Amino acid sequence: MAEAASDPRARLQSLLLPFVGRWWFPWVVGALSAVNNFVVVLSAPLVVLFMSAVLARPERRALTAIANAAGVTAGAAVLVYLGSASEVFPTFALEDFERTKKLVEEYGAFGCALYSCLPIILHPLIFFALALKVDPAMLIGAIFVGRTIKYLVMAQLAVSGSAYLKLFGSTAVNAATKADESVKKAQ
């Protein structure tokens, strides 16, 4: 509990986890995911909260995945709007950014959705898509589809206890373990 007192992210987790089985919990996690587009530091606690919601109510894992994807997409839509309004785009020279740019240029909506399935931040995708004049509605739709697929797969892997959850990174595996412990405490 000392960790929760000193770290605001841990405090957020400890405040919300007792409500993990409530009908509204996935929507709160989705709303926090929207906010995380701007603060980025909530990623690890949000994975724990998402996994907790999935493990507490496995029968609603699809709804939980869609709620989380909707939240991420809402935050991304605000970023798209802000990026469209300012029309100032940073230039990137890193190899990863070049791959993102190529994916958007060559594959359009499919490339955007594919990128959105990955366990990485969406900011490079949004910047490059806007710089390449990708239709904002198509971009937002692709992000929603990609993130929905990502969270549906994560939820299914968490429920089945699959070792393949590690494909989403050690954070997802640690979060699933922590979530499982939290759900058992809450029940």
N, C-alpha and C. Protein backbone atom coordinates (compact mmCIF):
# COMPACT_ATOMS: atom_id res chain seq x y z
N MET A 1 0.81 -1.20 0.00
CA MET A 1 0.00 0.00 0.00
C MET A 1 0.85 1.26 0.00
N ALA A 2 2.12 1.14 0.44
CA ALA A 2 3.03 2.29 0.43
C ALA A 2 3.26 2.77 -0.99
N GLU A 3 3.28 1.82 -1.94
CA GLU A 3 3.45 2.18 -3.35
C GLU A 3 2.31 3.07 -3.82
N ALA A 4 1.07 2.74 -3.43
CA ALA A 4 -0.10 3.52 -3.83
C ALA A 4 -0.07 4.92 -3.26
N ALA A 5 0.48 5.08 -2.07
CA ALA A 5 0.54 6.40 -1.44
C ALA A 5 1.52 7.32 -2.16
N SER A 6 2.61 6.77 -2.69
CA SER A 6 3.63 7.61 -3.30
C SER A 6 3.46 7.80 -4.81
N ASP A 7 2.85 6.88 -5.49
CA ASP A 7 2.71 6.94 -6.94
C ASP A 7 1.25 7.21 -7.32
N PRO A 8 0.97 8.34 -7.98
CA PRO A 8 -0.42 8.64 -8.34
C PRO A 8 -1.03 7.59 -9.26
N ARG A 9 -0.23 6.95 -10.10
CA ARG A 9 -0.76 5.91 -10.99
C ARG A 9 -1.20 4.70 -10.18
N ALA A 10 -0.42 4.33 -9.18
CA ALA A 10 -0.79 3.21 -8.31
C ALA A 10 -2.02 3.57 -7.48
N ARG A 11 -2.11 4.84 -7.08
CA ARG A 11 -3.27 5.30 -6.32
C ARG A 11 -4.54 5.20 -7.19
N LEU A 12 -4.43 5.58 -8.46
CA LEU A 12 -5.56 5.46 -9.38
C LEU A 12 -6.02 4.01 -9.47
N GLN A 13 -5.07 3.11 -9.62
CA GLN A 13 -5.41 1.68 -9.67
C GLN A 13 -6.11 1.24 -8.40
N SER A 14 -5.57 1.59 -7.25
CA SER A 14 -6.15 1.12 -5.99
C SER A 14 -7.53 1.72 -5.75
N LEU A 15 -7.77 2.92 -6.27
CA LEU A 15 -9.10 3.53 -6.14
C LEU A 15 -10.14 2.83 -7.02
N LEU A 16 -9.73 2.43 -8.21
CA LEU A 16 -10.69 1.89 -9.17
C LEU A 16 -10.89 0.37 -9.10
N LEU A 17 -9.88 -0.36 -8.69
CA LEU A 17 -9.98 -1.82 -8.73
C LEU A 17 -11.13 -2.42 -7.92
N PRO A 18 -11.55 -1.82 -6.80
CA PRO A 18 -12.71 -2.41 -6.09
C PRO A 18 -14.00 -2.41 -6.92
N PHE A 19 -14.05 -1.62 -7.98
CA PHE A 19 -15.26 -1.51 -8.80
C PHE A 19 -15.16 -2.31 -10.09
N VAL A 20 -14.18 -3.17 -10.19
CA VAL A 20 -13.85 -3.85 -11.43
C VAL A 20 -15.02 -4.62 -12.06
N GLY A 21 -15.94 -5.12 -11.28
CA GLY A 21 -17.05 -5.89 -11.82
C GLY A 21 -18.27 -5.08 -12.20
N ARG A 22 -18.26 -3.80 -11.94
CA ARG A 22 -19.43 -2.96 -12.22
C ARG A 22 -19.63 -2.78 -13.73
N TRP A 23 -20.86 -2.54 -14.14
CA TRP A 23 -21.19 -2.41 -15.56
C TRP A 23 -20.48 -1.22 -16.21
N TRP A 24 -20.24 -0.18 -15.43
CA TRP A 24 -19.66 1.05 -15.98
C TRP A 24 -18.14 1.04 -16.00
N PHE A 25 -17.52 0.07 -15.37
CA PHE A 25 -16.06 0.06 -15.24
C PHE A 25 -15.32 0.10 -16.59
N PRO A 26 -15.71 -0.70 -17.59
CA PRO A 26 -14.99 -0.63 -18.87
C PRO A 26 -15.06 0.75 -19.51
N TRP A 27 -16.16 1.46 -19.29
CA TRP A 27 -16.30 2.79 -19.89
C TRP A 27 -15.41 3.80 -19.18
N VAL A 28 -15.20 3.63 -17.90
CA VAL A 28 -14.27 4.50 -17.16
C VAL A 28 -12.84 4.25 -17.66
N VAL A 29 -12.50 2.99 -17.85
CA VAL A 29 -11.17 2.66 -18.38
C VAL A 29 -11.01 3.25 -19.78
N GLY A 30 -12.06 3.16 -20.58
CA GLY A 30 -12.02 3.76 -21.92
C GLY A 30 -11.83 5.27 -21.87
N ALA A 31 -12.52 5.93 -20.95
CA ALA A 31 -12.37 7.38 -20.80
C ALA A 31 -10.95 7.74 -20.38
N LEU A 32 -10.39 6.96 -19.47
CA LEU A 32 -9.01 7.19 -19.05
C LEU A 32 -8.03 6.93 -20.20
N SER A 33 -8.38 5.99 -21.06
CA SER A 33 -7.54 5.72 -22.23
C SER A 33 -7.56 6.91 -23.19
N ALA A 34 -8.70 7.59 -23.27
CA ALA A 34 -8.77 8.81 -24.09
C ALA A 34 -7.82 9.87 -23.54
N VAL A 35 -7.85 10.05 -22.24
CA VAL A 35 -6.97 11.03 -21.58
C VAL A 35 -5.50 10.64 -21.77
N ASN A 36 -5.22 9.35 -21.77
CA ASN A 36 -3.84 8.89 -21.88
C ASN A 36 -3.19 9.28 -23.21
N ASN A 37 -3.97 9.60 -24.22
CA ASN A 37 -3.40 10.10 -25.47
C ASN A 37 -2.62 11.38 -25.25
N PHE A 38 -2.94 12.08 -24.18
CA PHE A 38 -2.30 13.37 -23.91
C PHE A 38 -1.27 13.30 -22.79
N VAL A 39 -1.41 12.35 -21.88
CA VAL A 39 -0.47 12.27 -20.76
C VAL A 39 0.50 11.09 -20.88
N VAL A 40 0.15 10.08 -21.61
CA VAL A 40 0.95 8.90 -21.94
C VAL A 40 1.42 8.08 -20.73
N VAL A 41 1.54 8.67 -19.56
CA VAL A 41 2.09 7.96 -18.40
C VAL A 41 1.12 6.97 -17.75
N LEU A 42 -0.11 6.92 -18.21
CA LEU A 42 -1.09 6.01 -17.61
C LEU A 42 -1.12 4.64 -18.27
N SER A 43 -0.27 4.40 -19.23
CA SER A 43 -0.34 3.15 -20.00
C SER A 43 -0.31 1.90 -19.13
N ALA A 44 0.67 1.77 -18.26
CA ALA A 44 0.78 0.55 -17.43
C ALA A 44 -0.43 0.38 -16.51
N PRO A 45 -0.87 1.42 -15.77
CA PRO A 45 -2.06 1.23 -14.94
C PRO A 45 -3.31 0.91 -15.76
N LEU A 46 -3.42 1.48 -16.95
CA LEU A 46 -4.59 1.21 -17.78
C LEU A 46 -4.61 -0.22 -18.28
N VAL A 47 -3.45 -0.79 -18.54
CA VAL A 47 -3.41 -2.20 -18.93
C VAL A 47 -3.89 -3.06 -17.77
N VAL A 48 -3.48 -2.72 -16.56
CA VAL A 48 -3.94 -3.47 -15.38
C VAL A 48 -5.45 -3.33 -15.23
N LEU A 49 -5.97 -2.12 -15.37
CA LEU A 49 -7.41 -1.90 -15.23
C LEU A 49 -8.19 -2.63 -16.33
N PHE A 50 -7.69 -2.57 -17.56
CA PHE A 50 -8.33 -3.27 -18.68
C PHE A 50 -8.35 -4.78 -18.42
N MET A 51 -7.20 -5.33 -18.07
CA MET A 51 -7.12 -6.77 -17.80
C MET A 51 -8.01 -7.16 -16.62
N SER A 52 -8.07 -6.30 -15.61
CA SER A 52 -8.93 -6.58 -14.44
C SER A 52 -10.39 -6.64 -14.86
N ALA A 53 -10.80 -5.71 -15.70
CA ALA A 53 -12.19 -5.70 -16.18
C ALA A 53 -12.48 -6.97 -16.97
N VAL A 54 -11.54 -7.38 -17.81
CA VAL A 54 -11.72 -8.59 -18.61
C VAL A 54 -11.79 -9.82 -17.72
N LEU A 55 -10.89 -9.93 -16.76
CA LEU A 55 -10.84 -11.13 -15.91
C LEU A 55 -11.98 -11.17 -14.90
N ALA A 56 -12.47 -10.01 -14.48
CA ALA A 56 -13.59 -9.98 -13.53
C ALA A 56 -14.89 -10.41 -14.19
N ARG A 57 -15.05 -10.04 -15.45
CA ARG A 57 -16.28 -10.38 -16.19
C ARG A 57 -15.90 -10.87 -17.58
N PRO A 58 -15.37 -12.09 -17.69
CA PRO A 58 -14.91 -12.59 -18.99
C PRO A 58 -16.01 -12.64 -20.04
N GLU A 59 -17.25 -12.77 -19.60
CA GLU A 59 -18.36 -12.84 -20.55
C GLU A 59 -18.59 -11.52 -21.28
N ARG A 60 -18.05 -10.45 -20.76
CA ARG A 60 -18.22 -9.16 -21.44
C ARG A 60 -16.89 -8.63 -21.98
N ARG A 61 -15.98 -9.54 -22.28
CA ARG A 61 -14.66 -9.09 -22.77
C ARG A 61 -14.75 -8.32 -24.08
N ALA A 62 -15.70 -8.66 -24.95
CA ALA A 62 -15.85 -7.92 -26.21
C ALA A 62 -16.28 -6.48 -25.93
N LEU A 63 -17.24 -6.30 -25.03
CA LEU A 63 -17.68 -4.96 -24.67
C LEU A 63 -16.53 -4.17 -24.04
N THR A 64 -15.76 -4.82 -23.18
CA THR A 64 -14.63 -4.16 -22.53
C THR A 64 -13.60 -3.73 -23.58
N ALA A 65 -13.34 -4.59 -24.54
CA ALA A 65 -12.39 -4.25 -25.62
C ALA A 65 -12.91 -3.09 -26.46
N ILE A 66 -14.19 -3.11 -26.78
CA ILE A 66 -14.77 -2.04 -27.60
C ILE A 66 -14.78 -0.72 -26.83
N ALA A 67 -15.10 -0.77 -25.53
CA ALA A 67 -15.10 0.45 -24.72
C ALA A 67 -13.70 1.06 -24.66
N ASN A 68 -12.70 0.22 -24.49
CA ASN A 68 -11.32 0.72 -24.44
C ASN A 68 -10.90 1.28 -25.80
N ALA A 69 -11.23 0.57 -26.86
CA ALA A 69 -10.90 1.06 -28.21
C ALA A 69 -11.62 2.38 -28.50
N ALA A 70 -12.87 2.49 -28.04
CA ALA A 70 -13.61 3.75 -28.25
C ALA A 70 -12.95 4.90 -27.51
N GLY A 71 -12.47 4.64 -26.30
CA GLY A 71 -11.78 5.68 -25.54
C GLY A 71 -10.49 6.12 -26.21
N VAL A 72 -9.69 5.15 -26.62
CA VAL A 72 -8.43 5.48 -27.32
C VAL A 72 -8.74 6.26 -28.60
N THR A 73 -9.76 5.82 -29.32
CA THR A 73 -10.13 6.48 -30.57
C THR A 73 -10.63 7.90 -30.33
N ALA A 74 -11.39 8.11 -29.26
CA ALA A 74 -11.86 9.46 -28.94
C ALA A 74 -10.68 10.39 -28.67
N GLY A 75 -9.72 9.92 -27.90
CA GLY A 75 -8.52 10.72 -27.65
C GLY A 75 -7.74 10.97 -28.92
N ALA A 76 -7.63 9.94 -29.76
CA ALA A 76 -6.92 10.09 -31.03
C ALA A 76 -7.66 11.08 -31.94
N ALA A 77 -8.99 11.06 -31.89
CA ALA A 77 -9.77 12.00 -32.71
C ALA A 77 -9.48 13.44 -32.31
N VAL A 78 -9.33 13.68 -31.02
CA VAL A 78 -8.97 15.03 -30.56
C VAL A 78 -7.58 15.40 -31.08
N LEU A 79 -6.65 14.46 -31.03
CA LEU A 79 -5.31 14.71 -31.58
C LEU A 79 -5.37 15.00 -33.08
N VAL A 80 -6.19 14.24 -33.79
CA VAL A 80 -6.36 14.47 -35.23
C VAL A 80 -6.91 15.87 -35.47
N TYR A 81 -7.91 16.24 -34.70
CA TYR A 81 -8.49 17.59 -34.84
C TYR A 81 -7.44 18.66 -34.56
N LEU A 82 -6.71 18.52 -33.47
CA LEU A 82 -5.68 19.51 -33.12
C LEU A 82 -4.60 19.56 -34.20
N GLY A 83 -4.20 18.41 -34.70
CA GLY A 83 -3.20 18.36 -35.76
C GLY A 83 -3.70 18.97 -37.05
N SER A 84 -4.98 18.75 -37.36
CA SER A 84 -5.57 19.32 -38.57
C SER A 84 -5.70 20.83 -38.45
N ALA A 85 -6.04 21.29 -37.27
CA ALA A 85 -6.24 22.73 -37.06
C ALA A 85 -4.93 23.50 -37.13
N SER A 86 -3.85 22.90 -36.64
CA SER A 86 -2.59 23.63 -36.60
C SER A 86 -1.80 23.52 -37.90
N GLU A 87 -1.95 22.41 -38.59
CA GLU A 87 -1.24 22.14 -39.84
C GLU A 87 0.27 22.35 -39.73
N VAL A 88 0.80 22.15 -38.55
CA VAL A 88 2.25 22.19 -38.35
C VAL A 88 2.67 20.78 -37.95
N PHE A 89 3.56 20.21 -38.73
CA PHE A 89 3.95 18.83 -38.49
C PHE A 89 5.44 18.76 -38.20
N PRO A 90 5.81 18.02 -37.18
CA PRO A 90 7.23 17.87 -36.90
C PRO A 90 7.88 16.98 -37.96
N THR A 91 9.16 17.10 -38.13
CA THR A 91 9.87 16.21 -39.04
C THR A 91 10.63 15.18 -38.22
N PHE A 92 10.62 13.96 -38.70
CA PHE A 92 11.25 12.87 -37.99
C PHE A 92 12.28 12.21 -38.89
N ALA A 93 13.37 11.79 -38.32
CA ALA A 93 14.41 11.14 -39.10
C ALA A 93 14.69 9.72 -38.62
N LEU A 94 14.06 9.31 -37.57
CA LEU A 94 14.32 7.98 -37.03
C LEU A 94 13.77 6.90 -37.95
N GLU A 95 14.43 5.75 -37.92
CA GLU A 95 14.03 4.63 -38.77
C GLU A 95 12.60 4.17 -38.49
N ASP A 96 12.20 4.13 -37.22
CA ASP A 96 10.84 3.70 -36.87
C ASP A 96 9.80 4.65 -37.47
N PHE A 97 10.09 5.92 -37.44
CA PHE A 97 9.15 6.88 -38.00
C PHE A 97 9.07 6.73 -39.52
N GLU A 98 10.18 6.41 -40.15
CA GLU A 98 10.19 6.20 -41.60
C GLU A 98 9.34 4.98 -41.96
N ARG A 99 9.42 3.93 -41.14
CA ARG A 99 8.58 2.75 -41.39
C ARG A 99 7.10 3.08 -41.25
N THR A 100 6.78 3.89 -40.24
CA THR A 100 5.39 4.30 -40.05
C THR A 100 4.91 5.10 -41.25
N LYS A 101 5.72 6.03 -41.69
CA LYS A 101 5.38 6.86 -42.85
C LYS A 101 5.14 5.98 -44.08
N LYS A 102 6.02 5.01 -44.29
CA LYS A 102 5.90 4.11 -45.45
C LYS A 102 4.62 3.28 -45.36
N LEU A 103 4.30 2.79 -44.18
CA LEU A 103 3.09 2.01 -43.97
C LEU A 103 1.85 2.82 -44.34
N VAL A 104 1.81 4.07 -43.91
CA VAL A 104 0.67 4.94 -44.20
C VAL A 104 0.63 5.27 -45.69
N GLU A 105 1.77 5.61 -46.27
CA GLU A 105 1.82 5.97 -47.69
C GLU A 105 1.41 4.82 -48.60
N GLU A 106 1.94 3.64 -48.33
CA GLU A 106 1.73 2.52 -49.25
C GLU A 106 0.43 1.76 -49.04
N TYR A 107 -0.07 1.72 -47.80
CA TYR A 107 -1.22 0.87 -47.53
C TYR A 107 -2.47 1.61 -47.08
N GLY A 108 -2.41 2.91 -46.91
CA GLY A 108 -3.59 3.71 -46.59
C GLY A 108 -4.32 3.24 -45.35
N ALA A 109 -5.64 3.03 -45.49
CA ALA A 109 -6.48 2.65 -44.35
C ALA A 109 -6.03 1.33 -43.74
N PHE A 110 -5.68 0.37 -44.58
CA PHE A 110 -5.22 -0.92 -44.06
C PHE A 110 -3.95 -0.75 -43.24
N GLY A 111 -3.03 0.05 -43.72
CA GLY A 111 -1.79 0.32 -42.99
C GLY A 111 -2.05 1.01 -41.66
N CYS A 112 -2.99 1.96 -41.67
CA CYS A 112 -3.35 2.66 -40.43
C CYS A 112 -3.96 1.69 -39.42
N ALA A 113 -4.86 0.82 -39.89
CA ALA A 113 -5.49 -0.16 -38.99
C ALA A 113 -4.44 -1.15 -38.47
N LEU A 114 -3.55 -1.58 -39.36
CA LEU A 114 -2.50 -2.51 -38.95
C LEU A 114 -1.61 -1.88 -37.88
N TYR A 115 -1.21 -0.65 -38.08
CA TYR A 115 -0.38 0.05 -37.10
C TYR A 115 -1.13 0.16 -35.77
N SER A 116 -2.43 0.42 -35.84
CA SER A 116 -3.25 0.59 -34.63
C SER A 116 -3.39 -0.70 -33.83
N CYS A 117 -3.17 -1.84 -34.47
CA CYS A 117 -3.21 -3.13 -33.76
C CYS A 117 -1.98 -3.35 -32.89
N LEU A 118 -0.92 -2.61 -33.17
CA LEU A 118 0.34 -2.83 -32.47
C LEU A 118 0.32 -2.24 -31.06
N PRO A 119 1.09 -2.82 -30.16
CA PRO A 119 1.12 -2.30 -28.78
C PRO A 119 2.09 -1.12 -28.64
N ILE A 120 1.82 -0.08 -29.42
CA ILE A 120 2.65 1.13 -29.39
C ILE A 120 1.75 2.36 -29.46
N ILE A 121 2.32 3.53 -29.16
CA ILE A 121 1.52 4.75 -29.17
C ILE A 121 1.11 5.12 -30.59
N LEU A 122 0.03 5.86 -30.69
CA LEU A 122 -0.53 6.22 -31.99
C LEU A 122 -0.02 7.54 -32.55
N HIS A 123 0.71 8.30 -31.76
CA HIS A 123 1.11 9.64 -32.18
C HIS A 123 1.85 9.68 -33.51
N PRO A 124 2.85 8.80 -33.76
CA PRO A 124 3.52 8.85 -35.06
C PRO A 124 2.56 8.60 -36.22
N LEU A 125 1.65 7.65 -36.04
CA LEU A 125 0.66 7.37 -37.08
C LEU A 125 -0.17 8.61 -37.38
N ILE A 126 -0.65 9.26 -36.34
CA ILE A 126 -1.49 10.45 -36.53
C ILE A 126 -0.71 11.56 -37.24
N PHE A 127 0.50 11.82 -36.79
CA PHE A 127 1.30 12.87 -37.42
C PHE A 127 1.54 12.60 -38.90
N PHE A 128 1.94 11.37 -39.22
CA PHE A 128 2.24 11.06 -40.62
C PHE A 128 0.98 11.03 -41.47
N ALA A 129 -0.09 10.49 -40.93
CA ALA A 129 -1.33 10.46 -41.70
C ALA A 129 -1.80 11.87 -42.01
N LEU A 130 -1.70 12.77 -41.05
CA LEU A 130 -2.09 14.16 -41.30
C LEU A 130 -1.14 14.84 -42.28
N ALA A 131 0.13 14.58 -42.15
CA ALA A 131 1.11 15.17 -43.07
C ALA A 131 0.90 14.68 -44.49
N LEU A 132 0.43 13.45 -44.62
CA LEU A 132 0.18 12.87 -45.94
C LEU A 132 -1.24 13.13 -46.43
N LYS A 133 -1.97 13.96 -45.68
CA LYS A 133 -3.34 14.36 -46.05
C LYS A 133 -4.31 13.18 -46.13
N VAL A 134 -4.13 12.21 -45.24
CA VAL A 134 -5.08 11.11 -45.13
C VAL A 134 -6.40 11.68 -44.61
N ASP A 135 -7.50 11.20 -45.15
CA ASP A 135 -8.81 11.66 -44.70
C ASP A 135 -8.96 11.40 -43.20
N PRO A 136 -9.25 12.44 -42.40
CA PRO A 136 -9.35 12.26 -40.95
C PRO A 136 -10.38 11.22 -40.52
N ALA A 137 -11.53 11.18 -41.20
CA ALA A 137 -12.55 10.20 -40.83
C ALA A 137 -12.05 8.78 -41.08
N MET A 138 -11.36 8.58 -42.19
CA MET A 138 -10.79 7.26 -42.49
C MET A 138 -9.75 6.89 -41.44
N LEU A 139 -8.91 7.85 -41.07
CA LEU A 139 -7.87 7.60 -40.07
C LEU A 139 -8.49 7.20 -38.73
N ILE A 140 -9.49 7.95 -38.29
CA ILE A 140 -10.14 7.65 -37.01
C ILE A 140 -10.83 6.28 -37.07
N GLY A 141 -11.48 5.98 -38.19
CA GLY A 141 -12.10 4.66 -38.35
C GLY A 141 -11.08 3.54 -38.32
N ALA A 142 -9.95 3.75 -38.98
CA ALA A 142 -8.89 2.74 -39.00
C ALA A 142 -8.31 2.54 -37.60
N ILE A 143 -8.15 3.62 -36.86
CA ILE A 143 -7.66 3.51 -35.48
C ILE A 143 -8.63 2.70 -34.64
N PHE A 144 -9.93 2.98 -34.79
CA PHE A 144 -10.93 2.24 -34.01
C PHE A 144 -10.90 0.75 -34.36
N VAL A 145 -10.85 0.44 -35.64
CA VAL A 145 -10.80 -0.97 -36.06
C VAL A 145 -9.54 -1.65 -35.52
N GLY A 146 -8.40 -1.00 -35.70
CA GLY A 146 -7.14 -1.58 -35.24
C GLY A 146 -7.08 -1.78 -33.74
N ARG A 147 -7.50 -0.76 -32.99
CA ARG A 147 -7.47 -0.89 -31.52
C ARG A 147 -8.50 -1.90 -31.04
N THR A 148 -9.65 -1.99 -31.70
CA THR A 148 -10.64 -3.00 -31.31
C THR A 148 -10.06 -4.40 -31.49
N ILE A 149 -9.41 -4.63 -32.62
CA ILE A 149 -8.77 -5.93 -32.85
C ILE A 149 -7.72 -6.20 -31.78
N LYS A 150 -6.88 -5.20 -31.52
CA LYS A 150 -5.83 -5.36 -30.51
C LYS A 150 -6.42 -5.75 -29.16
N TYR A 151 -7.43 -5.02 -28.70
CA TYR A 151 -7.99 -5.28 -27.37
C TYR A 151 -8.81 -6.57 -27.32
N LEU A 152 -9.46 -6.94 -28.43
CA LEU A 152 -10.16 -8.23 -28.46
C LEU A 152 -9.17 -9.38 -28.33
N VAL A 153 -8.06 -9.28 -29.04
CA VAL A 153 -7.03 -10.33 -28.96
C VAL A 153 -6.43 -10.38 -27.55
N MET A 154 -6.10 -9.20 -27.00
CA MET A 154 -5.55 -9.17 -25.64
C MET A 154 -6.52 -9.78 -24.64
N ALA A 155 -7.80 -9.43 -24.76
CA ALA A 155 -8.80 -9.94 -23.82
C ALA A 155 -8.92 -11.46 -23.93
N GLN A 156 -8.97 -11.96 -25.15
CA GLN A 156 -9.08 -13.41 -25.33
C GLN A 156 -7.86 -14.13 -24.78
N LEU A 157 -6.68 -13.58 -25.02
CA LEU A 157 -5.46 -14.20 -24.50
C LEU A 157 -5.43 -14.17 -22.98
N ALA A 158 -5.90 -13.08 -22.39
CA ALA A 158 -5.93 -12.97 -20.93
C ALA A 158 -6.89 -13.99 -20.33
N VAL A 159 -8.08 -14.12 -20.93
CA VAL A 159 -9.08 -15.06 -20.41
C VAL A 159 -8.61 -16.50 -20.56
N SER A 160 -7.95 -16.79 -21.67
CA SER A 160 -7.51 -18.17 -21.89
C SER A 160 -6.20 -18.49 -21.16
N GLY A 161 -5.58 -17.47 -20.56
CA GLY A 161 -4.33 -17.69 -19.85
C GLY A 161 -3.17 -18.02 -20.78
N SER A 162 -3.27 -17.57 -22.00
CA SER A 162 -2.28 -17.90 -23.01
C SER A 162 -0.93 -17.24 -22.76
N ALA A 163 0.11 -17.97 -23.05
CA ALA A 163 1.47 -17.43 -22.95
C ALA A 163 1.73 -16.42 -24.07
N TYR A 164 0.87 -16.41 -25.08
CA TYR A 164 1.05 -15.47 -26.19
C TYR A 164 0.75 -14.03 -25.80
N LEU A 165 0.23 -13.82 -24.61
CA LEU A 165 0.00 -12.46 -24.13
C LEU A 165 1.31 -11.67 -24.11
N LYS A 166 2.41 -12.38 -23.99
CA LYS A 166 3.72 -11.71 -23.98
C LYS A 166 4.01 -10.99 -25.29
N LEU A 167 3.29 -11.31 -26.36
CA LEU A 167 3.47 -10.59 -27.62
C LEU A 167 3.10 -9.12 -27.48
N PHE A 168 2.30 -8.80 -26.47
CA PHE A 168 1.92 -7.41 -26.21
C PHE A 168 2.88 -6.75 -25.24
N GLY A 169 3.95 -7.43 -24.91
CA GLY A 169 4.98 -6.86 -24.04
C GLY A 169 4.88 -7.38 -22.62
N SER A 170 5.95 -7.15 -21.89
CA SER A 170 5.99 -7.62 -20.50
C SER A 170 4.98 -6.87 -19.64
N THR A 171 4.63 -5.64 -20.03
CA THR A 171 3.63 -4.88 -19.28
C THR A 171 2.30 -5.62 -19.28
N ALA A 172 1.92 -6.19 -20.43
CA ALA A 172 0.65 -6.91 -20.51
C ALA A 172 0.67 -8.17 -19.65
N VAL A 173 1.77 -8.89 -19.65
CA VAL A 173 1.88 -10.10 -18.83
C VAL A 173 1.83 -9.74 -17.35
N ASN A 174 2.62 -8.74 -16.97
CA ASN A 174 2.61 -8.30 -15.57
C ASN A 174 1.24 -7.77 -15.18
N ALA A 175 0.60 -7.05 -16.09
CA ALA A 175 -0.73 -6.51 -15.81
C ALA A 175 -1.75 -7.63 -15.63
N ALA A 176 -1.66 -8.66 -16.45
CA ALA A 176 -2.60 -9.77 -16.33
C ALA A 176 -2.42 -10.47 -14.98
N THR A 177 -1.19 -10.64 -14.57
CA THR A 177 -0.92 -11.26 -13.26
C THR A 177 -1.46 -10.39 -12.14
N LYS A 178 -1.17 -9.09 -12.21
CA LYS A 178 -1.64 -8.15 -11.19
C LYS A 178 -3.17 -8.07 -11.20
N ALA A 179 -3.74 -8.06 -12.40
CA ALA A 179 -5.20 -7.99 -12.53
C ALA A 179 -5.86 -9.22 -11.94
N ASP A 180 -5.29 -10.38 -12.21
CA ASP A 180 -5.84 -11.62 -11.67
C ASP A 180 -5.83 -11.59 -10.15
N GLU A 181 -4.74 -11.11 -9.56
CA GLU A 181 -4.66 -10.99 -8.10
C GLU A 181 -5.69 -9.99 -7.58
N SER A 182 -5.84 -8.87 -8.27
CA SER A 182 -6.79 -7.83 -7.85
C SER A 182 -8.23 -8.33 -7.92
N VAL A 183 -8.54 -9.06 -8.99
CA VAL A 183 -9.90 -9.58 -9.15
C VAL A 183 -10.21 -10.58 -8.05
N LYS A 184 -9.25 -11.43 -7.71
CA LYS A 184 -9.46 -12.41 -6.63
C LYS A 184 -9.69 -11.71 -5.30
N LYS A 185 -8.97 -10.61 -5.05
CA LYS A 185 -9.16 -9.84 -3.81
C LYS A 185 -10.54 -9.19 -3.78
N ALA A 186 -10.99 -8.68 -4.93
CA ALA A 186 -12.26 -7.96 -5.00
C ALA A 186 -13.45 -8.90 -4.83
N GLN A 187 -13.27 -10.19 -5.14
CA GLN A 187 -14.40 -11.13 -5.08
C GLN A 187 -14.57 -11.70 -3.74
